[in-house]
PDB file of N, CA and C in Angstrom:
ATOM      1  N   UNK A   1      82.986  79.926  52.071  1.00  0.00           N
ATOM      2  CA  UNK A   1      82.373  81.259  52.355  1.00  0.00           C
ATOM      3  C   UNK A   1      82.904  82.125  51.608  1.00  0.00           C
ATOM      4  N   UNK A   2      83.961  82.071  50.662  1.00  0.00           N
ATOM      5  CA  UNK A   2      84.298  82.764  49.938  1.00  0.00           C
ATOM      6  C   UNK A   2      83.644  83.285  48.687  1.00  0.00           C
ATOM      7  N   UNK A   3      82.921  81.596  48.673  1.00  0.00           N
ATOM      8  CA  UNK A   3      82.121  81.311  46.919  1.00  0.00           C
ATOM      9  C   UNK A   3      80.938  82.426  47.384  1.00  0.00           C
ATOM     10  N   UNK A   4      80.438  81.976  48.677  1.00  0.00           N
ATOM     11  CA  UNK A   4      78.657  82.757  49.090  1.00  0.00           C
ATOM     12  C   UNK A   4      79.046  84.336  48.785  1.00  0.00           C
ATOM     13  N   UNK A   5      80.170  84.521  49.439  1.00  0.00           N
ATOM     14  CA  UNK A   5      80.235  86.661  48.934  1.00  0.00           C
ATOM     15  C   UNK A   5      80.382  86.727  47.459  1.00  0.00           C
ATOM     16  N   UNK A   6      81.168  85.922  46.614  1.00  0.00           N
ATOM     17  CA  UNK A   6      81.334  86.048  45.436  1.00  0.00           C
ATOM     18  C   UNK A   6      80.055  85.730  44.851  1.00  0.00           C
ATOM     19  N   UNK A   7      79.474  84.802  44.910  1.00  0.00           N
ATOM     20  CA  UNK A   7      78.038  84.807  44.112  1.00  0.00           C
ATOM     21  C   UNK A   7      77.097  85.961  44.402  1.00  0.00           C
ATOM     22  N   UNK A   8      77.205  86.540  45.791  1.00  0.00           N
ATOM     23  CA  UNK A   8      75.856  87.634  45.964  1.00  0.00           C
ATOM     24  C   UNK A   8      76.826  88.803  45.364  1.00  0.00           C
ATOM     25  N   UNK A   9      77.955  89.118  45.416  1.00  0.00           N
ATOM     26  CA  UNK A   9      78.446  90.141  44.639  1.00  0.00           C
ATOM     27  C   UNK A   9      78.360  90.510  42.998  1.00  0.00           C
ATOM     28  N   UNK A  10      78.227  89.136  42.429  1.00  0.00           N
ATOM     29  CA  UNK A  10      78.103  88.683  41.074  1.00  0.00           C
ATOM     30  C   UNK A  10      76.478  89.225  40.547  1.00  0.00           C
ATOM     31  N   UNK A  11      75.522  88.756  41.567  1.00  0.00           N
ATOM     32  CA  UNK A  11      73.996  89.052  41.612  1.00  0.00           C
ATOM     33  C   UNK A  11      73.723  90.511  42.041  1.00  0.00           C
ATOM     34  N   UNK A  12      74.794  91.175  42.333  1.00  0.00           N
ATOM     35  CA  UNK A  12      74.697  92.484  43.043  1.00  0.00           C
ATOM     36  C   UNK A  12      74.921  93.491  41.738  1.00  0.00           C
ATOM     37  N   UNK A  13      75.788  92.721  40.680  1.00  0.00           N
ATOM     38  CA  UNK A  13      76.563  93.983  39.912  1.00  0.00           C
ATOM     39  C   UNK A  13      75.497  94.019  38.899  1.00  0.00           C
ATOM     40  N   UNK A  14      75.438  95.398  38.014  1.00  0.00           N
ATOM     41  CA  UNK A  14      75.295  95.713  36.976  1.00  0.00           C
ATOM     42  C   UNK A  14      75.294  94.893  35.643  1.00  0.00           C
ATOM     43  N   UNK A  15      74.368  94.562  34.896  1.00  0.00           N
ATOM     44  CA  UNK A  15      75.161  94.044  33.599  1.00  0.00           C
ATOM     45  C   UNK A  15      76.241  94.641  32.875  1.00  0.00           C
ATOM     46  N   UNK A  16      77.278  93.996  31.885  1.00  0.00           N
ATOM     47  CA  UNK A  16      78.043  94.895  31.765  1.00  0.00           C
ATOM     48  C   UNK A  16      77.838  95.108  29.947  1.00  0.00           C
ATOM     49  N   UNK A  17      77.455  96.247  29.776  1.00  0.00           N
ATOM     50  CA  UNK A  17      77.004  96.758  28.613  1.00  0.00           C
ATOM     51  C   UNK A  17      78.064  97.129  27.521  1.00  0.00           C
ATOM     52  N   UNK A  18      78.353  96.436  26.348  1.00  0.00           N
ATOM     53  CA  UNK A  18      79.056  96.647  25.187  1.00  0.00           C
ATOM     54  C   UNK A  18      78.948  97.965  24.023  1.00  0.00           C
ATOM     55  N   UNK A  19      77.897  98.168  24.375  1.00  0.00           N
ATOM     56  CA  UNK A  19      77.118  99.498  23.696  1.00  0.00           C
ATOM     57  C   UNK A  19      76.328  98.996  22.340  1.00  0.00           C
ATOM     58  N   UNK A  20      76.343  97.891  22.000  1.00  0.00           N
ATOM     59  CA  UNK A  20      75.594  96.914  20.886  1.00  0.00           C
ATOM     60  C   UNK A  20      74.206  96.517  22.119  1.00  0.00           C
ATOM     61  N   UNK A  21      73.152  96.631  21.552  1.00  0.00           N
ATOM     62  CA  UNK A  21      71.707  96.441  22.247  1.00  0.00           C
ATOM     63  C   UNK A  21      70.989  95.162  21.608  1.00  0.00           C
ATOM     64  N   UNK A  22      71.099  94.270  22.248  1.00  0.00           N
ATOM     65  CA  UNK A  22      69.639  93.159  22.015  1.00  0.00           C
ATOM     66  C   UNK A  22      68.401  93.429  21.361  1.00  0.00           C
ATOM     67  N   UNK A  23      67.505  93.397  20.659  1.00  0.00           N
ATOM     68  CA  UNK A  23      66.443  93.104  20.373  1.00  0.00           C
ATOM     69  C   UNK A  23      65.509  92.367  19.819  1.00  0.00           C
ATOM     70  N   UNK A  24      64.532  92.205  19.886  1.00  0.00           N
ATOM     71  CA  UNK A  24      63.827  91.203  19.276  1.00  0.00           C
ATOM     72  C   UNK A  24      63.400  91.845  17.818  1.00  0.00           C
ATOM     73  N   UNK A  25      63.360  91.275  16.719  1.00  0.00           N
ATOM     74  CA  UNK A  25      62.863  91.541  15.380  1.00  0.00           C
ATOM     75  C   UNK A  25      61.459  90.346  15.187  1.00  0.00           C
ATOM     76  N   UNK A  26      60.615  91.163  14.458  1.00  0.00           N
ATOM     77  CA  UNK A  26      59.381  90.340  13.466  1.00  0.00           C
ATOM     78  C   UNK A  26      58.832  91.512  12.799  1.00  0.00           C
ATOM     79  N   UNK A  27      58.761  91.002  11.437  1.00  0.00           N
ATOM     80  CA  UNK A  27      58.418  91.968  10.799  1.00  0.00           C
ATOM     81  C   UNK A  27      56.318  92.154  10.569  1.00  0.00           C
ATOM     82  N   UNK A  28      55.899  92.958  10.108  1.00  0.00           N
ATOM     83  CA  UNK A  28      54.627  93.498  10.331  1.00  0.00           C
ATOM     84  C   UNK A  28      53.649  92.348  10.415  1.00  0.00           C
ATOM     85  N   UNK A  29      52.693  92.153  11.083  1.00  0.00           N
ATOM     86  CA  UNK A  29      51.932  91.052  11.258  1.00  0.00           C
ATOM     87  C   UNK A  29      50.751  91.710  12.133  1.00  0.00           C
ATOM     88  N   UNK A  30      49.539  90.581  11.456  1.00  0.00           N
ATOM     89  CA  UNK A  30      48.443  90.542  12.324  1.00  0.00           C
ATOM     90  C   UNK A  30      48.050  89.688  13.580  1.00  0.00           C
ATOM     91  N   UNK A  31      48.930  88.832  13.349  1.00  0.00           N
ATOM     92  CA  UNK A  31      49.341  88.069  14.560  1.00  0.00           C
ATOM     93  C   UNK A  31      50.183  88.671  15.873  1.00  0.00           C
ATOM     94  N   UNK A  32      48.713  88.508  16.905  1.00  0.00           N
ATOM     95  CA  UNK A  32      49.363  89.011  18.338  1.00  0.00           C
ATOM     96  C   UNK A  32      50.335  88.330  18.746  1.00  0.00           C
ATOM     97  N   UNK A  33      50.720  87.055  18.602  1.00  0.00           N
ATOM     98  CA  UNK A  33      52.012  86.186  18.900  1.00  0.00           C
ATOM     99  C   UNK A  33      53.297  86.433  18.084  1.00  0.00           C
ATOM    100  N   UNK A  34      53.932  87.628  18.368  1.00  0.00           N
ATOM    101  CA  UNK A  34      55.063  87.567  17.479  1.00  0.00           C
ATOM    102  C   UNK A  34      56.217  87.285  18.523  1.00  0.00           C
ATOM    103  N   UNK A  35      56.779  86.275  18.466  1.00  0.00           N
ATOM    104  CA  UNK A  35      58.216  85.932  19.223  1.00  0.00           C
ATOM    105  C   UNK A  35      58.977  86.140  18.898  1.00  0.00           C
ATOM    106  N   UNK A  36      59.284  86.363  17.122  1.00  0.00           N
ATOM    107  CA  UNK A  36      60.719  87.185  16.587  1.00  0.00           C
ATOM    108  C   UNK A  36      61.664  86.573  17.143  1.00  0.00           C
ATOM    109  N   UNK A  37      63.136  87.331  16.238  1.00  0.00           N
ATOM    110  CA  UNK A  37      63.999  86.507  16.068  1.00  0.00           C
ATOM    111  C   UNK A  37      65.334  87.770  17.106  1.00  0.00           C
ATOM    112  N   UNK A  38      66.144  87.300  17.162  1.00  0.00           N
ATOM    113  CA  UNK A  38      67.077  88.424  18.350  1.00  0.00           C
ATOM    114  C   UNK A  38      68.047  89.483  16.938  1.00  0.00           C
ATOM    115  N   UNK A  39      68.097  90.515  17.440  1.00  0.00           N
ATOM    116  CA  UNK A  39      69.069  91.615  16.387  1.00  0.00           C
ATOM    117  C   UNK A  39      70.032  92.234  16.780  1.00  0.00           C
ATOM    118  N   UNK A  40      71.169  92.703  16.576  1.00  0.00           N
ATOM    119  CA  UNK A  40      71.523  93.410  17.052  1.00  0.00           C
ATOM    120  C   UNK A  40      71.472  95.068  16.491  1.00  0.00           C
ATOM    121  N   UNK A  41      70.933  96.182  17.600  1.00  0.00           N
ATOM    122  CA  UNK A  41      70.972  97.158  17.222  1.00  0.00           C
ATOM    123  C   UNK A  41      72.214  98.048  16.895  1.00  0.00           C
ATOM    124  N   UNK A  42      72.020  99.129  16.342  1.00  0.00           N
ATOM    125  CA  UNK A  42      73.321 100.382  16.116  1.00  0.00           C
ATOM    126  C   UNK A  42      73.380 101.096  17.553  1.00  0.00           C
ATOM    127  N   UNK A  43      74.582 101.626  17.454  1.00  0.00           N
ATOM    128  CA  UNK A  43      74.745 102.732  18.727  1.00  0.00           C
ATOM    129  C   UNK A  43      73.713 103.640  19.009  1.00  0.00           C
ATOM    130  N   UNK A  44      72.640 104.212  17.777  1.00  0.00           N
ATOM    131  CA  UNK A  44      71.787 105.689  18.232  1.00  0.00           C
ATOM    132  C   UNK A  44      70.678 104.609  18.317  1.00  0.00           C
ATOM    133  N   UNK A  45      70.544 103.718  18.382  1.00  0.00           N
ATOM    134  CA  UNK A  45      68.980 102.761  18.007  1.00  0.00           C
ATOM    135  C   UNK A  45      68.662 102.197  19.041  1.00  0.00           C
ATOM    136  N   UNK A  46      67.193 102.167  19.533  1.00  0.00           N
ATOM    137  CA  UNK A  46      66.675 101.673  20.682  1.00  0.00           C
ATOM    138  C   UNK A  46      65.650 100.458  20.176  1.00  0.00           C
ATOM    139  N   UNK A  47      65.221  99.137  20.953  1.00  0.00           N
ATOM    140  CA  UNK A  47      64.355  98.496  20.489  1.00  0.00           C
ATOM    141  C   UNK A  47      62.797  98.835  20.579  1.00  0.00           C
ATOM    142  N   UNK A  48      62.157  98.627  19.624  1.00  0.00           N
ATOM    143  CA  UNK A  48      60.725  99.097  19.671  1.00  0.00           C
ATOM    144  C   UNK A  48      60.037  98.113  19.670  1.00  0.00           C
ATOM    145  N   UNK A  49      58.652  98.406  19.882  1.00  0.00           N
ATOM    146  CA  UNK A  49      57.562  97.638  19.403  1.00  0.00           C
ATOM    147  C   UNK A  49      56.468  98.820  18.659  1.00  0.00           C
ATOM    148  N   UNK A  50      56.104  98.466  17.664  1.00  0.00           N
ATOM    149  CA  UNK A  50      54.661  99.458  16.551  1.00  0.00           C
ATOM    150  C   UNK A  50      53.604  98.663  16.811  1.00  0.00           C
ATOM    151  N   UNK A  51      52.673  99.222  16.978  1.00  0.00           N
ATOM    152  CA  UNK A  51      51.526  98.603  16.726  1.00  0.00           C
ATOM    153  C   UNK A  51      50.459  99.899  15.947  1.00  0.00           C
ATOM    154  N   UNK A  52      49.777  99.111  14.902  1.00  0.00           N
ATOM    155  CA  UNK A  52      49.250 100.067  13.772  1.00  0.00           C
ATOM    156  C   UNK A  52      48.028  99.481  13.651  1.00  0.00           C
ATOM    157  N   UNK A  53      47.287 100.592  13.944  1.00  0.00           N
ATOM    158  CA  UNK A  53      45.457 100.648  13.565  1.00  0.00           C
ATOM    159  C   UNK A  53      45.162 100.783  12.210  1.00  0.00           C
ATOM    160  N   UNK A  54      43.783 100.666  11.967  1.00  0.00           N
ATOM    161  CA  UNK A  54      42.951 100.998  10.747  1.00  0.00           C
ATOM    162  C   UNK A  54      41.798 100.430  10.879  1.00  0.00           C
ATOM    163  N   UNK A  55      40.460 101.543  11.015  1.00  0.00           N
ATOM    164  CA  UNK A  55      39.204 101.269  11.318  1.00  0.00           C
ATOM    165  C   UNK A  55      38.532 100.349  10.801  1.00  0.00           C
ATOM    166  N   UNK A  56      37.850  99.563  12.146  1.00  0.00           N
ATOM    167  CA  UNK A  56      37.389  98.202  12.015  1.00  0.00           C
ATOM    168  C   UNK A  56      38.001  96.816  11.864  1.00  0.00           C
ATOM    169  N   UNK A  57      39.571  97.002  11.823  1.00  0.00           N
ATOM    170  CA  UNK A  57      40.212  95.927  11.773  1.00  0.00           C
ATOM    171  C   UNK A  57      41.208  95.501  13.118  1.00  0.00           C
ATOM    172  N   UNK A  58      41.576  94.668  12.813  1.00  0.00           N
ATOM    173  CA  UNK A  58      42.455  94.168  13.980  1.00  0.00           C
ATOM    174  C   UNK A  58      43.943  95.048  13.770  1.00  0.00           C
ATOM    175  N   UNK A  59      44.270  95.038  15.212  1.00  0.00           N
ATOM    176  CA  UNK A  59      45.623  95.885  15.203  1.00  0.00           C
ATOM    177  C   UNK A  59      46.879  95.120  14.343  1.00  0.00           C
ATOM    178  N   UNK A  60      47.906  95.534  13.686  1.00  0.00           N
ATOM    179  CA  UNK A  60      49.070  95.081  13.040  1.00  0.00           C
ATOM    180  C   UNK A  60      49.961  95.451  14.382  1.00  0.00           C
ATOM    181  N   UNK A  61      51.276  94.485  14.672  1.00  0.00           N
ATOM    182  CA  UNK A  61      52.116  94.685  15.013  1.00  0.00           C
ATOM    183  C   UNK A  61      53.803  94.572  14.618  1.00  0.00           C
ATOM    184  N   UNK A  62      54.858  94.841  14.554  1.00  0.00           N
ATOM    185  CA  UNK A  62      55.800  94.778  14.267  1.00  0.00           C
ATOM    186  C   UNK A  62      57.200  95.669  15.523  1.00  0.00           C
ATOM    187  N   UNK A  63      58.493  94.589  15.620  1.00  0.00           N
ATOM    188  CA  UNK A  63      59.150  94.680  16.318  1.00  0.00           C
ATOM    189  C   UNK A  63      60.819  94.964  16.067  1.00  0.00           C
ATOM    190  N   UNK A  64      61.832  95.628  16.134  1.00  0.00           N
ATOM    191  CA  UNK A  64      63.052  95.783  16.290  1.00  0.00           C
ATOM    192  C   UNK A  64      64.121  97.016  16.508  1.00  0.00           C
ATOM    193  N   UNK A  65      64.518  97.261  15.657  1.00  0.00           N
ATOM    194  CA  UNK A  65      65.549  98.358  16.215  1.00  0.00           C
ATOM    195  C   UNK A  65      64.926  99.688  15.215  1.00  0.00           C
ATOM    196  N   UNK A  66      65.182 100.546  15.960  1.00  0.00           N
ATOM    197  CA  UNK A  66      64.941 102.218  15.453  1.00  0.00           C
ATOM    198  C   UNK A  66      65.805 103.329  15.524  1.00  0.00           C
ATOM    199  N   UNK A  67      65.956 104.291  15.061  1.00  0.00           N
ATOM    200  CA  UNK A  67      66.623 105.597  15.438  1.00  0.00           C
ATOM    201  C   UNK A  67      66.021 105.863  16.602  1.00  0.00           C
ATOM    202  N   UNK A  68      66.312 106.355  17.258  1.00  0.00           N
ATOM    203  CA  UNK A  68      66.287 106.921  19.232  1.00  0.00           C
ATOM    204  C   UNK A  68      65.460 108.376  18.853  1.00  0.00           C
ATOM    205  N   UNK A  69      65.686 108.814  17.589  1.00  0.00           N
ATOM    206  CA  UNK A  69      64.992 110.455  16.834  1.00  0.00           C
ATOM    207  C   UNK A  69      63.756 109.911  16.543  1.00  0.00           C
ATOM    208  N   UNK A  70      63.643 108.554  16.134  1.00  0.00           N
ATOM    209  CA  UNK A  70      62.183 108.685  15.549  1.00  0.00           C
ATOM    210  C   UNK A  70      61.087 107.947  16.370  1.00  0.00           C
ATOM    211  N   UNK A  71      61.657 107.572  17.930  1.00  0.00           N
ATOM    212  CA  UNK A  71      60.682 107.329  18.770  1.00  0.00           C
ATOM    213  C   UNK A  71      59.417 107.584  18.914  1.00  0.00           C
ATOM    214  N   UNK A  72      58.466 107.170  18.730  1.00  0.00           N
ATOM    215  CA  UNK A  72      57.131 107.948  19.380  1.00  0.00           C
ATOM    216  C   UNK A  72      56.261 108.203  17.953  1.00  0.00           C
ATOM    217  N   UNK A  73      57.442 108.215  16.807  1.00  0.00           N
ATOM    218  CA  UNK A  73      56.741 108.897  15.728  1.00  0.00           C
ATOM    219  C   UNK A  73      55.441 107.927  15.142  1.00  0.00           C
ATOM    220  N   UNK A  74      54.407 108.859  14.254  1.00  0.00           N
ATOM    221  CA  UNK A  74      53.407 108.249  13.734  1.00  0.00           C
ATOM    222  C   UNK A  74      53.691 107.994  11.983  1.00  0.00           C
ATOM    223  N   UNK A  75      53.343 106.679  11.624  1.00  0.00           N
ATOM    224  CA  UNK A  75      53.704 106.908  10.444  1.00  0.00           C
ATOM    225  C   UNK A  75      52.580 106.018   9.623  1.00  0.00           C
ATOM    226  N   UNK A  76      52.293 105.995   8.362  1.00  0.00           N
ATOM    227  CA  UNK A  76      51.845 104.821   7.743  1.00  0.00           C
ATOM    228  C   UNK A  76      52.201 103.943   7.169  1.00  0.00           C
ATOM    229  N   UNK A  77      51.636 102.973   7.064  1.00  0.00           N
ATOM    230  CA  UNK A  77      52.490 101.718   6.732  1.00  0.00           C
ATOM    231  C   UNK A  77      51.083 100.640   5.890  1.00  0.00           C
ATOM    232  N   UNK A  78      51.510 100.140   4.874  1.00  0.00           N
ATOM    233  CA  UNK A  78      50.398  99.352   4.298  1.00  0.00           C
ATOM    234  C   UNK A  78      50.856  97.755   4.584  1.00  0.00           C
ATOM    235  N   UNK A  79      49.560  96.992   4.914  1.00  0.00           N
ATOM    236  CA  UNK A  79      49.921  95.700   5.181  1.00  0.00           C
ATOM    237  C   UNK A  79      48.821  94.860   4.098  1.00  0.00           C
ATOM    238  N   UNK A  80      48.915  94.130   3.551  1.00  0.00           N
ATOM    239  CA  UNK A  80      47.875  93.354   2.997  1.00  0.00           C
ATOM    240  C   UNK A  80      47.134  94.127   2.179  1.00  0.00           C
ATOM    241  N   UNK A  81      47.061  95.320   1.254  1.00  0.00           N
ATOM    242  CA  UNK A  81      46.394  96.375   0.764  1.00  0.00           C
ATOM    243  C   UNK A  81      46.288  97.252   1.660  1.00  0.00           C
ATOM    244  N   UNK A  82      46.555  97.436   3.016  1.00  0.00           N
ATOM    245  CA  UNK A  82      45.379  98.465   4.083  1.00  0.00           C
ATOM    246  C   UNK A  82      46.484  99.318   4.734  1.00  0.00           C
ATOM    247  N   UNK A  83      45.770 100.384   4.823  1.00  0.00           N
ATOM    248  CA  UNK A  83      46.910 101.348   5.089  1.00  0.00           C
ATOM    249  C   UNK A  83      46.794 101.224   6.924  1.00  0.00           C
ATOM    250  N   UNK A  84      47.481 101.263   7.711  1.00  0.00           N
ATOM    251  CA  UNK A  84      47.616 101.308   8.889  1.00  0.00           C
ATOM    252  C   UNK A  84      48.313 102.406   9.243  1.00  0.00           C
ATOM    253  N   UNK A  85      47.786 102.709  10.800  1.00  0.00           N
ATOM    254  CA  UNK A  85      48.085 104.606  11.486  1.00  0.00           C
ATOM    255  C   UNK A  85      49.412 103.296  12.187  1.00  0.00           C
ATOM    256  N   UNK A  86      50.833 103.484  12.305  1.00  0.00           N
ATOM    257  CA  UNK A  86      51.575 102.938  13.016  1.00  0.00           C
ATOM    258  C   UNK A  86      52.060 103.700  13.640  1.00  0.00           C
ATOM    259  N   UNK A  87      52.121 103.588  15.407  1.00  0.00           N
ATOM    260  CA  UNK A  87      52.876 104.331  16.281  1.00  0.00           C
ATOM    261  C   UNK A  87      53.890 103.153  17.200  1.00  0.00           C
ATOM    262  N   UNK A  88      55.266 103.678  16.537  1.00  0.00           N
ATOM    263  CA  UNK A  88      56.456 103.027  17.158  1.00  0.00           C
ATOM    264  C   UNK A  88      56.433 103.431  18.762  1.00  0.00           C
ATOM    265  N   UNK A  89      56.625 102.523  19.872  1.00  0.00           N
ATOM    266  CA  UNK A  89      57.110 102.873  21.351  1.00  0.00           C
ATOM    267  C   UNK A  89      58.582 102.372  21.385  1.00  0.00           C
ATOM    268  N   UNK A  90      59.413 102.826  22.129  1.00  0.00           N
ATOM    269  CA  UNK A  90      60.831 102.408  22.352  1.00  0.00           C
ATOM    270  C   UNK A  90      60.753 102.019  23.883  1.00  0.00           C
ATOM    271  N   UNK A  91      62.036 101.168  24.008  1.00  0.00           N
ATOM    272  CA  UNK A  91      62.141 100.796  24.994  1.00  0.00           C
ATOM    273  C   UNK A  91      63.608 100.663  25.622  1.00  0.00           C
ATOM    274  N   UNK A  92      64.067 100.780  26.551  1.00  0.00           N
ATOM    275  CA  UNK A  92      65.559 100.689  27.149  1.00  0.00           C
ATOM    276  C   UNK A  92      65.738  99.718  27.853  1.00  0.00           C
ATOM    277  N   UNK A  93      66.954  98.401  27.163  1.00  0.00           N
ATOM    278  CA  UNK A  93      67.095  97.403  28.204  1.00  0.00           C
ATOM    279  C   UNK A  93      67.192  96.186  27.022  1.00  0.00           C
ATOM    280  N   UNK A  94      68.399  95.402  27.423  1.00  0.00           N
ATOM    281  CA  UNK A  94      68.321  94.398  26.423  1.00  0.00           C
ATOM    282  C   UNK A  94      67.028  93.209  25.925  1.00  0.00           C
ATOM    283  N   UNK A  95      66.922  93.207  25.049  1.00  0.00           N
ATOM    284  CA  UNK A  95      65.540  92.608  24.546  1.00  0.00           C
ATOM    285  C   UNK A  95      64.281  93.028  25.154  1.00  0.00           C
ATOM    286  N   UNK A  96      64.049  94.259  25.910  1.00  0.00           N
ATOM    287  CA  UNK A  96      62.818  95.009  26.183  1.00  0.00           C
ATOM    288  C   UNK A  96      61.483  94.836  25.739  1.00  0.00           C
ATOM    289  N   UNK A  97      61.663  94.510  24.293  1.00  0.00           N
ATOM    290  CA  UNK A  97      60.959  94.345  23.112  1.00  0.00           C
ATOM    291  C   UNK A  97      60.093  93.112  23.137  1.00  0.00           C
ATOM    292  N   UNK A  98      60.561  92.125  23.683  1.00  0.00           N
ATOM    293  CA  UNK A  98      60.200  90.606  23.604  1.00  0.00           C
ATOM    294  C   UNK A  98      58.902  90.521  24.423  1.00  0.00           C
ATOM    295  N   UNK A  99      58.178  89.262  24.208  1.00  0.00           N
ATOM    296  CA  UNK A  99      57.027  89.011  25.133  1.00  0.00           C
ATOM    297  C   UNK A  99      57.069  89.088  26.836  1.00  0.00           C
ATOM    298  N   UNK A 100      56.045  89.531  26.650  1.00  0.00           N
ATOM    299  CA  UNK A 100      55.880  90.056  28.723  1.00  0.00           C
ATOM    300  C   UNK A 100      56.220  88.412  29.156  1.00  0.00           C
ATOM    301  N   UNK A 101      57.147  88.996  30.270  1.00  0.00           N
ATOM    302  CA  UNK A 101      57.807  87.651  30.970  1.00  0.00           C
ATOM    303  C   UNK A 101      56.791  87.070  32.253  1.00  0.00           C
ATOM    304  N   UNK A 102      56.097  85.661  32.046  1.00  0.00           N
ATOM    305  CA  UNK A 102      55.010  85.193  33.364  1.00  0.00           C
ATOM    306  C   UNK A 102      55.711  86.512  34.331  1.00  0.00           C
ATOM    307  N   UNK A 103      54.327  86.632  35.145  1.00  0.00           N
ATOM    308  CA  UNK A 103      54.427  87.135  36.286  1.00  0.00           C
ATOM    309  C   UNK A 103      55.114  86.449  37.369  1.00  0.00           C
ATOM    310  N   UNK A 104      55.992  86.759  38.395  1.00  0.00           N
ATOM    311  CA  UNK A 104      56.203  86.331  39.231  1.00  0.00           C
ATOM    312  C   UNK A 104      57.999  85.344  39.128  1.00  0.00           C
ATOM    313  N   UNK A 105      57.923  85.066  37.695  1.00  0.00           N
ATOM    314  CA  UNK A 105      59.163  84.009  37.805  1.00  0.00           C
ATOM    315  C   UNK A 105      60.399  84.579  37.726  1.00  0.00           C
ATOM    316  N   UNK A 106      60.983  85.979  37.319  1.00  0.00           N
ATOM    317  CA  UNK A 106      62.196  86.348  37.780  1.00  0.00           C
ATOM    318  C   UNK A 106      62.312  86.354  39.210  1.00  0.00           C
ATOM    319  N   UNK A 107      61.040  86.841  39.834  1.00  0.00           N
ATOM    320  CA  UNK A 107      61.240  87.275  41.198  1.00  0.00           C
ATOM    321  C   UNK A 107      61.749  85.458  41.743  1.00  0.00           C
ATOM    322  N   UNK A 108      61.154  84.398  41.558  1.00  0.00           N
ATOM    323  CA  UNK A 108      61.558  83.494  41.924  1.00  0.00           C
ATOM    324  C   UNK A 108      62.976  83.028  41.781  1.00  0.00           C
ATOM    325  N   UNK A 109      63.589  83.628  40.386  1.00  0.00           N
ATOM    326  CA  UNK A 109      64.978  82.631  40.464  1.00  0.00           C
ATOM    327  C   UNK A 109      65.904  83.861  40.996  1.00  0.00           C
ATOM    328  N   UNK A 110      65.371  84.894  41.267  1.00  0.00           N
ATOM    329  CA  UNK A 110      66.120  85.955  42.135  1.00  0.00           C
ATOM    330  C   UNK A 110      66.429  85.491  43.625  1.00  0.00           C
ATOM    331  N   UNK A 111      64.815  85.106  44.016  1.00  0.00           N
ATOM    332  CA  UNK A 111      65.130  84.600  45.687  1.00  0.00           C
ATOM    333  C   UNK A 111      65.876  83.366  45.502  1.00  0.00           C
ATOM    334  N   UNK A 112      65.683  82.635  44.635  1.00  0.00           N
ATOM    335  CA  UNK A 112      66.510  80.986  44.300  1.00  0.00           C
ATOM    336  C   UNK A 112      67.672  81.374  44.864  1.00  0.00           C
ATOM    337  N   UNK A 113      68.711  82.573  44.004  1.00  0.00           N
ATOM    338  CA  UNK A 113      69.920  82.756  44.116  1.00  0.00           C
ATOM    339  C   UNK A 113      70.465  83.561  45.558  1.00  0.00           C
ATOM    340  N   UNK A 114      69.631  84.158  45.625  1.00  0.00           N
ATOM    341  CA  UNK A 114      69.750  84.799  47.233  1.00  0.00           C
ATOM    342  C   UNK A 114      69.859  84.039  48.128  1.00  0.00           C
ATOM    343  N   UNK A 115      68.966  83.125  48.207  1.00  0.00           N
ATOM    344  CA  UNK A 115      68.838  82.159  49.450  1.00  0.00           C
ATOM    345  C   UNK A 115      70.199  80.963  49.140  1.00  0.00           C
ATOM    346  N   UNK A 116      70.413  80.438  48.022  1.00  0.00           N
ATOM    347  CA  UNK A 116      71.556  79.991  47.878  1.00  0.00           C
ATOM    348  C   UNK A 116      72.746  80.775  48.638  1.00  0.00           C
ATOM    349  N   UNK A 117      72.981  81.742  48.141  1.00  0.00           N
ATOM    350  CA  UNK A 117      74.139  82.795  48.746  1.00  0.00           C
ATOM    351  C   UNK A 117      74.500  82.808  50.252  1.00  0.00           C
ATOM    352  N   UNK A 118      73.058  82.876  50.756  1.00  0.00           N
ATOM    353  CA  UNK A 118      72.754  82.853  52.220  1.00  0.00           C
ATOM    354  C   UNK A 118      73.054  81.623  52.905  1.00  0.00           C
ATOM    355  N   UNK A 119      72.937  80.853  52.401  1.00  0.00           N
ATOM    356  CA  UNK A 119      73.040  79.194  53.021  1.00  0.00           C
ATOM    357  C   UNK A 119      74.644  79.030  52.784  1.00  0.00           C
ATOM    358  N   UNK A 120      75.302  79.571  51.643  1.00  0.00           N
ATOM    359  CA  UNK A 120      77.023  79.273  51.231  1.00  0.00           C
ATOM    360  C   UNK A 120      77.369  80.275  52.447  1.00  0.00           C
ATOM    361  N   UNK A 121      77.396  81.557  52.677  1.00  0.00           N
ATOM    362  CA  UNK A 121      77.504  82.352  53.580  1.00  0.00           C
ATOM    363  C   UNK A 121      77.439  81.547  55.278  1.00  0.00           C
ATOM    364  N   UNK A 122      76.530  80.954  55.752  1.00  0.00           N
ATOM    365  CA  UNK A 122      76.282  80.524  56.829  1.00  0.00           C
ATOM    366  C   UNK A 122      77.070  79.002  57.280  1.00  0.00           C
ATOM    367  N   UNK A 123      77.781  78.579  56.143  1.00  0.00           N
ATOM    368  CA  UNK A 123      78.515  77.285  55.712  1.00  0.00           C
ATOM    369  C   UNK A 123      79.959  77.507  56.542  1.00  0.00           C
TER     370      UNK A 123
END
C-alpha cells in the first residue's frame, strides 16, 4: 500500500531542474526530418527552432540553444549559396524543440502509470 502512495506522489511531483536545459541541436538543413542530437544550454538560453524561407525554395530549419533575448528575431543566413530569412522561435522545457511526439503516446503512458498506482492502493 505504501508503494502505491509513493508511486502516485512521484508522478505528481514536477521534474527537478538543475538550471541547465537539454535541447536538440540540428545544423542548418533543407531536410524536414531533423532529429538532431541532445545538447546542454547555458543559464540564459532557451531551446529554439529556426525556419528560414527564400522565394521559390523549400524552407530550411535548424535547432539548438539561443540567448533568450534573441528569441523571435529575424536574421539572414546563407545555405548552399542562397540567402534565407530565418526566424527563430524559442520554447520552454526540456527537449521542447524535438520532433513532435505522436498524438496520444504520452497520455497512454500516464494512464497506465495511474492505473497501476490505483491497483497497488487497492491491494
